[in-house]
Amino acid sequence: MYTIITADGDRDLVLENGLGQLENDFVSVRKSKLNKRLSLDPGDRAIVCAFMAAIQARTKLNRESLRNMWKSPLEQMERMRARIKTASEQEKRHMAALSGPSDPSKLGFHFEEVKEFVEKPLQTWLPATMNAAVPLLCALDFVILTTDDQVGFITSDNPCVWFDPQAYKRPPMYRQPALMYESIEITLPVSPKQCILLNRQGINGYRKVPPDVMNRRTRFFADESFVVHKNIKRDIWFDRGLEPDDSWDKTH
């Protein structure tokens, strides 16, 4: 998923090596600080936030989302290239005038670049995504949720969840979770006993909680599978609940 193939056919493992080192750094912080419920210094928090950014960006679900996002522009460019081959000079000028702001070439992307976005979305976007995300995540409040529940926190193949519990009050086009909202919550289970929660509510430190609310969120955002510490499942993880009376859809 992450191997870069160079022009001469060699395998460039810079992403694998970088992700591997980040995983080692995170495990070190988990052992030395999180497991002992100690405060994290800015360097520790940066490692955890980088790990969260990588976990979100490197999943198969995100890979396919990026691929689908660029597939339509690529097809548009392919159709244009095919037409240009047989078009007259007047037709070429007419096609250039018709291309709108959504044309990738108008945004500075060339055909080969867009083709690379579709064929190798993680290799092309993972470094840029992490560079943009990590400083923003580090600026958020940082709480470590803990539990003594026998099942604990579950995880999944899409474990870093961006969720806004107030989004249901907004019109549909504004429901996408984003850092601009005070109610944004970003969670990542890091062991059966702990779950990181980034927020903008001033909540920090270690907080003991029942795990099932977080587990329901993790389970619903899973792509194909979720992972449980023990061979137990609970109905609440599959319960969508009822639409609140103050939802935008009900009040409008």
C-alpha atoms as a PDB file:
ATOM      1  CA  MET A   1       0.000   0.000   0.000  1.00  0.00           C
ATOM      2  CA  TYR A   2       2.883   2.384   0.666  1.00  0.00           C
ATOM      3  CA  THR A   3       5.787   1.256  -1.533  1.00  0.00           C
ATOM      4  CA  ILE A   4       7.015   3.869  -4.005  1.00  0.00           C
ATOM      5  CA  ILE A   5       8.277   2.484  -7.327  1.00  0.00           C
ATOM      6  CA  THR A   6      10.954   4.732  -8.825  1.00  0.00           C
ATOM      7  CA  ALA A   7      11.306   5.509 -12.532  1.00  0.00           C
ATOM      8  CA  ASP A   8      13.896   2.734 -12.953  1.00  0.00           C
ATOM      9  CA  GLY A   9      11.707   0.157 -11.199  1.00  0.00           C
ATOM     10  CA  ASP A  10      13.380   0.143  -7.779  1.00  0.00           C
ATOM     11  CA  ARG A  11      11.345  -0.024  -4.543  1.00  0.00           C
ATOM     12  CA  ASP A  12      11.602   3.098  -2.385  1.00  0.00           C
ATOM     13  CA  LEU A  13      10.607   2.182   1.187  1.00  0.00           C
ATOM     14  CA  VAL A  14      10.798   5.683   2.645  1.00  0.00           C
ATOM     15  CA  LEU A  15       7.119   5.656   3.666  1.00  0.00           C
ATOM     16  CA  GLU A  16       7.273   2.161   5.197  1.00  0.00           C
ATOM     17  CA  ASN A  17      10.431   3.071   7.102  1.00  0.00           C
ATOM     18  CA  GLY A  18       8.977   6.365   8.282  1.00  0.00           C
ATOM     19  CA  LEU A  19       5.736   4.746   9.432  1.00  0.00           C
ATOM     20  CA  GLY A  20       7.679   1.981  11.134  1.00  0.00           C
ATOM     21  CA  GLN A  21       9.797   4.478  13.064  1.00  0.00           C
ATOM     22  CA  LEU A  22       6.681   6.421  14.047  1.00  0.00           C
ATOM     23  CA  GLU A  23       5.084   3.211  15.362  1.00  0.00           C
ATOM     24  CA  ASN A  24       8.209   2.494  17.433  1.00  0.00           C
ATOM     25  CA  ASP A  25       8.162   6.037  18.843  1.00  0.00           C
ATOM     26  CA  PHE A  26       4.482   5.741  19.718  1.00  0.00           C
ATOM     27  CA  VAL A  27       4.946   2.369  21.452  1.00  0.00           C
ATOM     28  CA  SER A  28       7.739   3.941  23.493  1.00  0.00           C
ATOM     29  CA  VAL A  29       5.434   6.776  24.632  1.00  0.00           C
ATOM     30  CA  ARG A  30       2.670   4.309  25.431  1.00  0.00           C
ATOM     31  CA  LYS A  31       4.981   2.180  27.589  1.00  0.00           C
ATOM     32  CA  SER A  32       6.795   5.007  29.351  1.00  0.00           C
ATOM     33  CA  LYS A  33       3.925   7.479  29.826  1.00  0.00           C
ATOM     34  CA  LEU A  34       0.418   6.297  28.902  1.00  0.00           C
ATOM     35  CA  ASN A  35       0.584   2.910  30.657  1.00  0.00           C
ATOM     36  CA  LYS A  36       1.825   4.650  33.814  1.00  0.00           C
ATOM     37  CA  ARG A  37      -0.739   7.473  33.504  1.00  0.00           C
ATOM     38  CA  LEU A  38       1.971  10.119  33.466  1.00  0.00           C
ATOM     39  CA  SER A  39       1.713  13.572  31.891  1.00  0.00           C
ATOM     40  CA  LEU A  40       2.909  13.891  28.311  1.00  0.00           C
ATOM     41  CA  ASP A  41       5.386  16.590  27.369  1.00  0.00           C
ATOM     42  CA  PRO A  42       5.048  18.448  24.024  1.00  0.00           C
ATOM     43  CA  GLY A  43       7.353  15.963  22.283  1.00  0.00           C
ATOM     44  CA  ASP A  44       5.274  13.020  23.487  1.00  0.00           C
ATOM     45  CA  ARG A  45       2.071  14.685  22.348  1.00  0.00           C
ATOM     46  CA  ALA A  46       3.576  15.406  18.938  1.00  0.00           C
ATOM     47  CA  ILE A  47       4.409  11.712  18.524  1.00  0.00           C
ATOM     48  CA  VAL A  48       0.881  10.636  19.519  1.00  0.00           C
ATOM     49  CA  CYS A  49      -0.713  13.214  17.207  1.00  0.00           C
ATOM     50  CA  ALA A  50       1.557  12.166  14.324  1.00  0.00           C
ATOM     51  CA  PHE A  51       0.585   8.553  14.977  1.00  0.00           C
ATOM     52  CA  MET A  52      -3.115   9.504  14.932  1.00  0.00           C
ATOM     53  CA  ALA A  53      -2.691  11.434  11.676  1.00  0.00           C
ATOM     54  CA  ALA A  54      -0.899   8.475  10.096  1.00  0.00           C
ATOM     55  CA  ILE A  55      -3.474   5.963  11.313  1.00  0.00           C
ATOM     56  CA  GLN A  56      -6.268   8.011   9.785  1.00  0.00           C
ATOM     57  CA  ALA A  57      -4.476   8.661   6.497  1.00  0.00           C
ATOM     58  CA  ARG A  58      -3.034   5.204   5.799  1.00  0.00           C
ATOM     59  CA  THR A  59      -6.182   3.013   5.855  1.00  0.00           C
ATOM     60  CA  LYS A  60      -7.587   1.195   2.867  1.00  0.00           C
ATOM     61  CA  LEU A  61     -10.794   3.201   3.305  1.00  0.00           C
ATOM     62  CA  ASN A  62      -8.920   6.486   2.958  1.00  0.00           C
ATOM     63  CA  ARG A  63      -6.931   5.132   0.019  1.00  0.00           C
ATOM     64  CA  GLU A  64     -10.116   4.298  -1.884  1.00  0.00           C
ATOM     65  CA  SER A  65     -11.697   7.622  -0.933  1.00  0.00           C
ATOM     66  CA  LEU A  66      -8.726   9.507  -2.393  1.00  0.00           C
ATOM     67  CA  ARG A  67      -8.755   7.309  -5.481  1.00  0.00           C
ATOM     68  CA  ASN A  68     -12.456   7.910  -6.104  1.00  0.00           C
ATOM     69  CA  MET A  69     -12.042  11.650  -5.563  1.00  0.00           C
ATOM     70  CA  TRP A  70      -9.521  11.875  -8.420  1.00  0.00           C
ATOM     71  CA  LYS A  71     -11.033   9.235 -10.709  1.00  0.00           C
ATOM     72  CA  SER A  72     -13.607  11.584 -12.231  1.00  0.00           C
ATOM     73  CA  PRO A  73     -11.073  14.372 -13.011  1.00  0.00           C
ATOM     74  CA  LEU A  74      -8.767  11.761 -14.564  1.00  0.00           C
ATOM     75  CA  GLU A  75     -11.555  10.449 -16.789  1.00  0.00           C
ATOM     76  CA  GLN A  76     -12.349  14.023 -17.792  1.00  0.00           C
ATOM     77  CA  MET A  77      -8.727  14.616 -18.767  1.00  0.00           C
ATOM     78  CA  GLU A  78      -8.580  11.319 -20.688  1.00  0.00           C
ATOM     79  CA  ARG A  79     -11.660  12.261 -22.717  1.00  0.00           C
ATOM     80  CA  MET A  80     -10.161  15.651 -23.441  1.00  0.00           C
ATOM     81  CA  ARG A  81      -6.850  14.143 -24.553  1.00  0.00           C
ATOM     82  CA  ALA A  82      -8.654  11.714 -26.861  1.00  0.00           C
ATOM     83  CA  ARG A  83     -10.695  14.495 -28.441  1.00  0.00           C
ATOM     84  CA  ILE A  84      -7.676  16.752 -28.903  1.00  0.00           C
ATOM     85  CA  LYS A  85      -5.909  14.098 -30.980  1.00  0.00           C
ATOM     86  CA  THR A  86      -8.512  14.395 -33.746  1.00  0.00           C
ATOM     87  CA  ALA A  87      -9.671  17.992 -33.223  1.00  0.00           C
ATOM     88  CA  SER A  88      -8.978  20.909 -35.535  1.00  0.00           C
ATOM     89  CA  GLU A  89      -7.213  24.021 -34.252  1.00  0.00           C
ATOM     90  CA  GLN A  90     -10.551  25.824 -33.963  1.00  0.00           C
ATOM     91  CA  GLU A  91     -12.053  22.927 -31.992  1.00  0.00           C
ATOM     92  CA  LYS A  92      -9.035  22.881 -29.675  1.00  0.00           C
ATOM     93  CA  ARG A  93      -9.501  26.590 -28.913  1.00  0.00           C
ATOM     94  CA  HIS A  94     -13.210  25.989 -28.301  1.00  0.00           C
ATOM     95  CA  MET A  95     -12.518  23.098 -25.882  1.00  0.00           C
ATOM     96  CA  ALA A  96      -9.970  25.187 -23.978  1.00  0.00           C
ATOM     97  CA  ALA A  97     -12.552  27.947 -23.563  1.00  0.00           C
ATOM     98  CA  LEU A  98     -15.172  25.495 -22.304  1.00  0.00           C
ATOM     99  CA  SER A  99     -13.012  23.906 -19.589  1.00  0.00           C
ATOM    100  CA  GLY A 100     -14.314  25.131 -16.245  1.00  0.00           C
ATOM    101  CA  PRO A 101     -12.707  25.786 -12.854  1.00  0.00           C
ATOM    102  CA  SER A 102     -13.085  22.091 -11.929  1.00  0.00           C
ATOM    103  CA  ASP A 103     -10.716  21.142 -14.752  1.00  0.00           C
ATOM    104  CA  PRO A 104      -7.613  19.737 -12.928  1.00  0.00           C
ATOM    105  CA  SER A 105      -5.301  21.415 -15.424  1.00  0.00           C
ATOM    106  CA  LYS A 106      -6.726  24.776 -14.349  1.00  0.00           C
ATOM    107  CA  LEU A 107      -5.574  23.966 -10.808  1.00  0.00           C
ATOM    108  CA  GLY A 108      -2.016  23.303 -11.964  1.00  0.00           C
ATOM    109  CA  PHE A 109      -2.244  19.489 -12.104  1.00  0.00           C
ATOM    110  CA  HIS A 110      -0.963  17.716 -15.196  1.00  0.00           C
ATOM    111  CA  PHE A 111      -2.365  14.466 -16.577  1.00  0.00           C
ATOM    112  CA  GLU A 112       0.475  12.295 -15.284  1.00  0.00           C
ATOM    113  CA  GLU A 113       0.108  13.781 -11.794  1.00  0.00           C
ATOM    114  CA  VAL A 114      -3.632  13.092 -11.652  1.00  0.00           C
ATOM    115  CA  LYS A 115      -3.027   9.585 -12.990  1.00  0.00           C
ATOM    116  CA  GLU A 116      -0.554   9.063 -10.136  1.00  0.00           C
ATOM    117  CA  PHE A 117      -3.161  10.280  -7.627  1.00  0.00           C
ATOM    118  CA  VAL A 118      -5.535   7.543  -8.825  1.00  0.00           C
ATOM    119  CA  GLU A 119      -2.988   4.742  -9.129  1.00  0.00           C
ATOM    120  CA  LYS A 120      -0.972   5.519  -5.970  1.00  0.00           C
ATOM    121  CA  PRO A 121      -3.093   7.725  -3.712  1.00  0.00           C
ATOM    122  CA  LEU A 122      -1.291   6.981  -0.448  1.00  0.00           C
ATOM    123  CA  GLN A 123       2.188   7.358  -1.891  1.00  0.00           C
ATOM    124  CA  THR A 124       1.311  10.791  -3.285  1.00  0.00           C
ATOM    125  CA  TRP A 125      -0.874  12.188  -0.498  1.00  0.00           C
ATOM    126  CA  LEU A 126       0.222  10.582   2.794  1.00  0.00           C
ATOM    127  CA  PRO A 127       3.249  12.845   3.487  1.00  0.00           C
ATOM    128  CA  ALA A 128       1.362  16.044   2.613  1.00  0.00           C
ATOM    129  CA  THR A 129      -1.665  14.985   4.658  1.00  0.00           C
ATOM    130  CA  MET A 130       0.442  14.331   7.729  1.00  0.00           C
ATOM    131  CA  ASN A 131       2.430  17.554   7.365  1.00  0.00           C
ATOM    132  CA  ALA A 132      -0.825  19.508   7.304  1.00  0.00           C
ATOM    133  CA  ALA A 133      -2.632  17.569  10.045  1.00  0.00           C
ATOM    134  CA  VAL A 134      -0.049  17.124  12.806  1.00  0.00           C
ATOM    135  CA  PRO A 135       0.364  20.806  13.842  1.00  0.00           C
ATOM    136  CA  LEU A 136      -3.429  21.206  13.925  1.00  0.00           C
ATOM    137  CA  LEU A 137      -3.922  18.098  16.058  1.00  0.00           C
ATOM    138  CA  CYS A 138      -1.187  19.185  18.476  1.00  0.00           C
ATOM    139  CA  ALA A 139      -3.116  22.401  19.158  1.00  0.00           C
ATOM    140  CA  LEU A 140      -6.179  20.512  20.454  1.00  0.00           C
ATOM    141  CA  ASP A 141      -6.975  19.547  24.039  1.00  0.00           C
ATOM    142  CA  PHE A 142      -5.737  16.068  24.879  1.00  0.00           C
ATOM    143  CA  VAL A 143      -7.524  13.629  27.184  1.00  0.00           C
ATOM    144  CA  ILE A 144      -6.766   9.950  27.746  1.00  0.00           C
ATOM    145  CA  LEU A 145      -9.946   7.998  28.477  1.00  0.00           C
ATOM    146  CA  THR A 146      -9.354   4.961  30.672  1.00  0.00           C
ATOM    147  CA  THR A 147     -11.440   1.968  31.717  1.00  0.00           C
ATOM    148  CA  ASP A 148     -11.296  -1.145  33.894  1.00  0.00           C
ATOM    149  CA  ASP A 149     -14.109  -2.830  31.948  1.00  0.00           C
ATOM    150  CA  GLN A 150     -13.366  -6.484  31.111  1.00  0.00           C
ATOM    151  CA  VAL A 151     -13.904  -5.875  27.386  1.00  0.00           C
ATOM    152  CA  GLY A 152     -12.359  -2.432  27.339  1.00  0.00           C
ATOM    153  CA  PHE A 153     -12.044  -0.291  24.230  1.00  0.00           C
ATOM    154  CA  ILE A 154     -12.438  -2.006  20.864  1.00  0.00           C
ATOM    155  CA  THR A 155     -10.632  -0.948  17.713  1.00  0.00           C
ATOM    156  CA  SER A 156     -11.143  -1.411  13.965  1.00  0.00           C
ATOM    157  CA  ASP A 157      -9.619  -1.189  10.497  1.00  0.00           C
ATOM    158  CA  ASN A 158     -10.540   2.521  10.524  1.00  0.00           C
ATOM    159  CA  PRO A 159      -9.803   3.354  14.161  1.00  0.00           C
ATOM    160  CA  CYS A 160      -9.082   7.105  14.146  1.00  0.00           C
ATOM    161  CA  VAL A 161     -12.558   8.620  14.134  1.00  0.00           C
ATOM    162  CA  TRP A 162     -13.456  12.265  13.498  1.00  0.00           C
ATOM    163  CA  PHE A 163     -16.901  12.829  14.978  1.00  0.00           C
ATOM    164  CA  ASP A 164     -19.005  15.874  15.828  1.00  0.00           C
ATOM    165  CA  PRO A 165     -21.786  15.097  18.335  1.00  0.00           C
ATOM    166  CA  GLN A 166     -23.464  18.438  17.502  1.00  0.00           C
ATOM    167  CA  ALA A 167     -23.457  17.985  13.720  1.00  0.00           C
ATOM    168  CA  TYR A 168     -27.048  16.724  13.658  1.00  0.00           C
ATOM    169  CA  LYS A 169     -28.187  20.260  14.554  1.00  0.00           C
ATOM    170  CA  ARG A 170     -26.688  21.724  11.365  1.00  0.00           C
ATOM    171  CA  PRO A 171     -27.870  21.591   7.722  1.00  0.00           C
ATOM    172  CA  PRO A 172     -26.570  18.531   5.833  1.00  0.00           C
ATOM    173  CA  MET A 173     -23.814  20.382   3.966  1.00  0.00           C
ATOM    174  CA  TYR A 174     -22.283  21.544   7.270  1.00  0.00           C
ATOM    175  CA  ARG A 175     -22.284  18.198   9.076  1.00  0.00           C
ATOM    176  CA  GLN A 176     -18.857  17.040   7.987  1.00  0.00           C
ATOM    177  CA  PRO A 177     -16.618  16.968  11.109  1.00  0.00           C
ATOM    178  CA  ALA A 178     -14.018  19.736  10.976  1.00  0.00           C
ATOM    179  CA  LEU A 179     -11.566  21.462  13.298  1.00  0.00           C
ATOM    180  CA  MET A 180     -13.455  24.752  12.901  1.00  0.00           C
ATOM    181  CA  TYR A 181     -16.221  23.401  15.159  1.00  0.00           C
ATOM    182  CA  GLU A 182     -15.851  23.619  18.934  1.00  0.00           C
ATOM    183  CA  SER A 183     -17.652  20.277  19.307  1.00  0.00           C
ATOM    184  CA  ILE A 184     -15.204  18.250  17.174  1.00  0.00           C
ATOM    185  CA  GLU A 185     -13.922  15.032  18.762  1.00  0.00           C
ATOM    186  CA  ILE A 186     -11.112  12.863  17.372  1.00  0.00           C
ATOM    187  CA  THR A 187     -10.683   9.469  19.005  1.00  0.00           C
ATOM    188  CA  LEU A 188      -8.210   6.615  18.724  1.00  0.00           C
ATOM    189  CA  PRO A 189      -8.229   3.496  20.925  1.00  0.00           C
ATOM    190  CA  VAL A 190      -4.589   2.809  21.801  1.00  0.00           C
ATOM    191  CA  SER A 191      -5.148  -0.268  23.994  1.00  0.00           C
ATOM    192  CA  PRO A 192      -8.107  -2.082  25.565  1.00  0.00           C
ATOM    193  CA  LYS A 193      -7.584   0.156  28.608  1.00  0.00           C
ATOM    194  CA  GLN A 194      -7.082   3.554  26.961  1.00  0.00           C
ATOM    195  CA  CYS A 195      -8.541   5.732  24.200  1.00  0.00           C
ATOM    196  CA  ILE A 196      -7.124   9.105  23.139  1.00  0.00           C
ATOM    197  CA  LEU A 197      -9.692  11.879  22.707  1.00  0.00           C
ATOM    198  CA  LEU A 198      -8.660  15.161  21.067  1.00  0.00           C
ATOM    199  CA  ASN A 199     -11.180  17.953  21.642  1.00  0.00           C
ATOM    200  CA  ARG A 200     -11.758  21.704  21.851  1.00  0.00           C
ATOM    201  CA  GLN A 201     -13.653  21.647  25.137  1.00  0.00           C
ATOM    202  CA  GLY A 202     -10.716  22.174  27.503  1.00  0.00           C
ATOM    203  CA  ILE A 203     -10.787  18.512  28.607  1.00  0.00           C
ATOM    204  CA  ASN A 204      -7.295  17.200  29.381  1.00  0.00           C
ATOM    205  CA  GLY A 205      -5.511  14.593  31.472  1.00  0.00           C
ATOM    206  CA  TYR A 206      -6.777  11.113  32.371  1.00  0.00           C
ATOM    207  CA  ARG A 207     -10.523  10.427  32.725  1.00  0.00           C
ATOM    208  CA  LYS A 208     -12.096   7.104  33.685  1.00  0.00           C
ATOM    209  CA  VAL A 209     -15.218   6.334  31.606  1.00  0.00           C
ATOM    210  CA  PRO A 210     -17.495   3.427  30.653  1.00  0.00           C
ATOM    211  CA  PRO A 211     -16.206   2.306  27.221  1.00  0.00           C
ATOM    212  CA  ASP A 212     -19.406   1.453  25.349  1.00  0.00           C
ATOM    213  CA  VAL A 213     -20.181   4.939  23.974  1.00  0.00           C
ATOM    214  CA  MET A 214     -16.701   5.099  22.410  1.00  0.00           C
ATOM    215  CA  ASN A 215     -17.007   1.483  21.283  1.00  0.00           C
ATOM    216  CA  ARG A 216     -20.262   2.189  19.469  1.00  0.00           C
ATOM    217  CA  ARG A 217     -18.584   5.077  17.666  1.00  0.00           C
ATOM    218  CA  THR A 218     -15.561   2.952  16.758  1.00  0.00           C
ATOM    219  CA  ARG A 219     -17.762   0.084  15.554  1.00  0.00           C
ATOM    220  CA  PHE A 220     -19.948   2.297  13.326  1.00  0.00           C
ATOM    221  CA  PHE A 221     -16.927   3.923  11.666  1.00  0.00           C
ATOM    222  CA  ALA A 222     -15.259   0.555  10.957  1.00  0.00           C
ATOM    223  CA  ASP A 223     -14.765  -0.248   7.287  1.00  0.00           C
ATOM    224  CA  GLU A 224     -14.893  -4.063   7.173  1.00  0.00           C
ATOM    225  CA  SER A 225     -13.936  -5.314  10.626  1.00  0.00           C
ATOM    226  CA  PHE A 226     -13.586  -4.393  14.276  1.00  0.00           C
ATOM    227  CA  VAL A 227     -11.302  -5.965  16.864  1.00  0.00           C
ATOM    228  CA  VAL A 228     -12.263  -6.977  20.398  1.00  0.00           C
ATOM    229  CA  HIS A 229      -9.978  -7.743  23.336  1.00  0.00           C
ATOM    230  CA  LYS A 230     -12.242 -10.625  24.390  1.00  0.00           C
ATOM    231  CA  ASN A 231     -14.695 -12.751  22.440  1.00  0.00           C
ATOM    232  CA  ILE A 232     -17.629 -10.616  23.559  1.00  0.00           C
ATOM    233  CA  LYS A 233     -19.889  -8.175  21.736  1.00  0.00           C
ATOM    234  CA  ARG A 234     -22.544  -5.847  23.097  1.00  0.00           C
ATOM    235  CA  ASP A 235     -25.785  -4.803  21.442  1.00  0.00           C
ATOM    236  CA  ILE A 236     -25.154  -1.100  22.101  1.00  0.00           C
ATOM    237  CA  TRP A 237     -22.276  -1.185  19.614  1.00  0.00           C
ATOM    238  CA  PHE A 238     -24.860  -1.812  16.861  1.00  0.00           C
ATOM    239  CA  ASP A 239     -27.590   0.528  18.122  1.00  0.00           C
ATOM    240  CA  ARG A 240     -28.051   3.634  15.963  1.00  0.00           C
ATOM    241  CA  GLY A 241     -30.309   5.248  18.542  1.00  0.00           C
ATOM    242  CA  LEU A 242     -33.153   7.672  17.830  1.00  0.00           C
ATOM    243  CA  GLU A 243     -32.997  10.997  16.036  1.00  0.00           C
ATOM    244  CA  PRO A 244     -33.065  13.798  18.656  1.00  0.00           C
ATOM    245  CA  ASP A 245     -36.002  16.194  18.662  1.00  0.00           C
ATOM    246  CA  ASP A 246     -33.683  19.184  18.182  1.00  0.00           C
ATOM    247  CA  SER A 247     -32.108  17.829  14.978  1.00  0.00           C
ATOM    248  CA  TRP A 248     -31.996  20.184  11.978  1.00  0.00           C
ATOM    249  CA  ASP A 249     -34.189  17.796   9.964  1.00  0.00           C
ATOM    250  CA  LYS A 250     -36.938  17.798  12.606  1.00  0.00           C
ATOM    251  CA  THR A 251     -36.842  21.529  13.318  1.00  0.00           C
ATOM    252  CA  HIS A 252     -36.792  22.497   9.615  1.00  0.00           C
END
